Amino acid sequence: KGFVLTGSTPECFRIHLKNILLQVASKAREKRIVMLKSWNEWAEGNYVEPDQKFGHGYLDIIRDEIIRYDKIINK
């Protein structure tokens, strides 16, 4: 049995990325790892590569949230 996820947007992605980065920030330094899956899995609809609909939206969010995360952990 499969399932299909729909309605993905950069802003939905931002919410999930913020949440996981906050969780990781509380871990020991050597355990602060986040892996983002699928740079360009177009066939599966799972990608962060720029497209015509959202442009660089996903990549901009990754950049912005990493900068924000860096400020949190380096206070």
C-alpha atoms as a PDB file:
ATOM      1  CA  LYS A   1       0.000   0.000   0.000  1.00  0.00           C
ATOM      2  CA  GLY A   2       1.341   3.389  -0.952  1.00  0.00           C
ATOM      3  CA  PHE A   3       0.421   6.904  -0.070  1.00  0.00           C
ATOM      4  CA  VAL A   4       0.730  10.242  -1.792  1.00  0.00           C
ATOM      5  CA  LEU A   5       1.677  13.456  -0.051  1.00  0.00           C
ATOM      6  CA  THR A   6       0.348  16.611  -1.668  1.00  0.00           C
ATOM      7  CA  GLY A   7       0.401  20.327  -0.994  1.00  0.00           C
ATOM      8  CA  SER A   8       4.092  20.723  -0.317  1.00  0.00           C
ATOM      9  CA  THR A   9       5.229  24.340  -0.334  1.00  0.00           C
ATOM     10  CA  PRO A  10       8.401  26.111   0.727  1.00  0.00           C
ATOM     11  CA  GLU A  11       6.570  27.510   3.764  1.00  0.00           C
ATOM     12  CA  CYS A  12       5.459  24.034   4.894  1.00  0.00           C
ATOM     13  CA  PHE A  13       9.050  22.919   4.426  1.00  0.00           C
ATOM     14  CA  ARG A  14      10.234  25.882   6.543  1.00  0.00           C
ATOM     15  CA  ILE A  15       8.043  24.775   9.455  1.00  0.00           C
ATOM     16  CA  HIS A  16       9.460  21.243   9.398  1.00  0.00           C
ATOM     17  CA  LEU A  17      13.043  22.442   8.971  1.00  0.00           C
ATOM     18  CA  LYS A  18      12.724  24.908  11.869  1.00  0.00           C
ATOM     19  CA  ASN A  19      11.335  22.163  14.106  1.00  0.00           C
ATOM     20  CA  ILE A  20      14.094  19.693  13.352  1.00  0.00           C
ATOM     21  CA  LEU A  21      16.832  22.309  13.702  1.00  0.00           C
ATOM     22  CA  LEU A  22      15.479  23.272  17.116  1.00  0.00           C
ATOM     23  CA  GLN A  23      15.518  19.607  18.151  1.00  0.00           C
ATOM     24  CA  VAL A  24      19.074  19.174  16.895  1.00  0.00           C
ATOM     25  CA  ALA A  25      20.247  22.331  18.688  1.00  0.00           C
ATOM     26  CA  SER A  26      19.567  20.669  22.045  1.00  0.00           C
ATOM     27  CA  LYS A  27      21.773  17.667  21.251  1.00  0.00           C
ATOM     28  CA  ALA A  28      25.462  17.231  21.983  1.00  0.00           C
ATOM     29  CA  ARG A  29      27.619  18.983  19.379  1.00  0.00           C
ATOM     30  CA  GLU A  30      28.832  15.711  17.823  1.00  0.00           C
ATOM     31  CA  LYS A  31      25.217  14.555  17.352  1.00  0.00           C
ATOM     32  CA  ARG A  32      23.956  17.676  15.551  1.00  0.00           C
ATOM     33  CA  ILE A  33      23.287  16.171  12.151  1.00  0.00           C
ATOM     34  CA  VAL A  34      20.424  16.885   9.779  1.00  0.00           C
ATOM     35  CA  MET A  35      20.157  15.117   6.445  1.00  0.00           C
ATOM     36  CA  LEU A  36      18.000  16.545   3.693  1.00  0.00           C
ATOM     37  CA  LYS A  37      16.809  13.923   1.265  1.00  0.00           C
ATOM     38  CA  SER A  38      16.398  14.295  -2.458  1.00  0.00           C
ATOM     39  CA  TRP A  39      17.972  17.252  -4.178  1.00  0.00           C
ATOM     40  CA  ASN A  40      16.191  16.358  -7.426  1.00  0.00           C
ATOM     41  CA  GLU A  41      13.820  13.392  -7.155  1.00  0.00           C
ATOM     42  CA  TRP A  42      11.419  14.910  -9.665  1.00  0.00           C
ATOM     43  CA  ALA A  43       9.621  11.650 -10.455  1.00  0.00           C
ATOM     44  CA  GLU A  44       8.719  11.201  -6.791  1.00  0.00           C
ATOM     45  CA  GLY A  45       7.869  14.878  -6.296  1.00  0.00           C
ATOM     46  CA  ASN A  46      10.555  15.121  -3.655  1.00  0.00           C
ATOM     47  CA  TYR A  47      13.090  17.804  -4.465  1.00  0.00           C
ATOM     48  CA  VAL A  48      14.580  21.104  -3.291  1.00  0.00           C
ATOM     49  CA  GLU A  49      16.172  22.004  -6.618  1.00  0.00           C
ATOM     50  CA  PRO A  50      14.850  25.268  -8.120  1.00  0.00           C
ATOM     51  CA  ASP A  51      11.734  24.934 -10.264  1.00  0.00           C
ATOM     52  CA  GLN A  52       9.353  27.152 -12.206  1.00  0.00           C
ATOM     53  CA  LYS A  53       6.686  27.176  -9.498  1.00  0.00           C
ATOM     54  CA  PHE A  54       8.716  28.095  -6.406  1.00  0.00           C
ATOM     55  CA  GLY A  55      11.991  29.270  -7.929  1.00  0.00           C
ATOM     56  CA  HIS A  56      14.756  29.013  -5.335  1.00  0.00           C
ATOM     57  CA  GLY A  57      12.188  28.936  -2.509  1.00  0.00           C
ATOM     58  CA  TYR A  58      13.328  25.695  -0.890  1.00  0.00           C
ATOM     59  CA  LEU A  59      17.012  26.595  -1.151  1.00  0.00           C
ATOM     60  CA  ASP A  60      16.382  30.096   0.207  1.00  0.00           C
ATOM     61  CA  ILE A  61      14.633  28.564   3.199  1.00  0.00           C
ATOM     62  CA  ILE A  62      17.483  26.138   3.837  1.00  0.00           C
ATOM     63  CA  ARG A  63      19.947  29.058   3.750  1.00  0.00           C
ATOM     64  CA  ASP A  64      17.803  31.293   5.974  1.00  0.00           C
ATOM     65  CA  GLU A  65      17.077  28.609   8.553  1.00  0.00           C
ATOM     66  CA  ILE A  66      20.717  27.486   8.750  1.00  0.00           C
ATOM     67  CA  ILE A  67      21.731  31.111   9.383  1.00  0.00           C
ATOM     68  CA  ARG A  68      19.037  31.383  12.081  1.00  0.00           C
ATOM     69  CA  TYR A  69      20.103  28.053  13.591  1.00  0.00           C
ATOM     70  CA  ASP A  70      23.744  29.150  13.644  1.00  0.00           C
ATOM     71  CA  LYS A  71      22.775  32.265  15.615  1.00  0.00           C
ATOM     72  CA  ILE A  72      20.839  30.146  18.120  1.00  0.00           C
ATOM     73  CA  ILE A  73      23.651  27.702  18.840  1.00  0.00           C
ATOM     74  CA  ASN A  74      26.414  30.325  18.841  1.00  0.00           C
ATOM     75  CA  LYS A  75      24.891  32.825  21.300  1.00  0.00           C
END
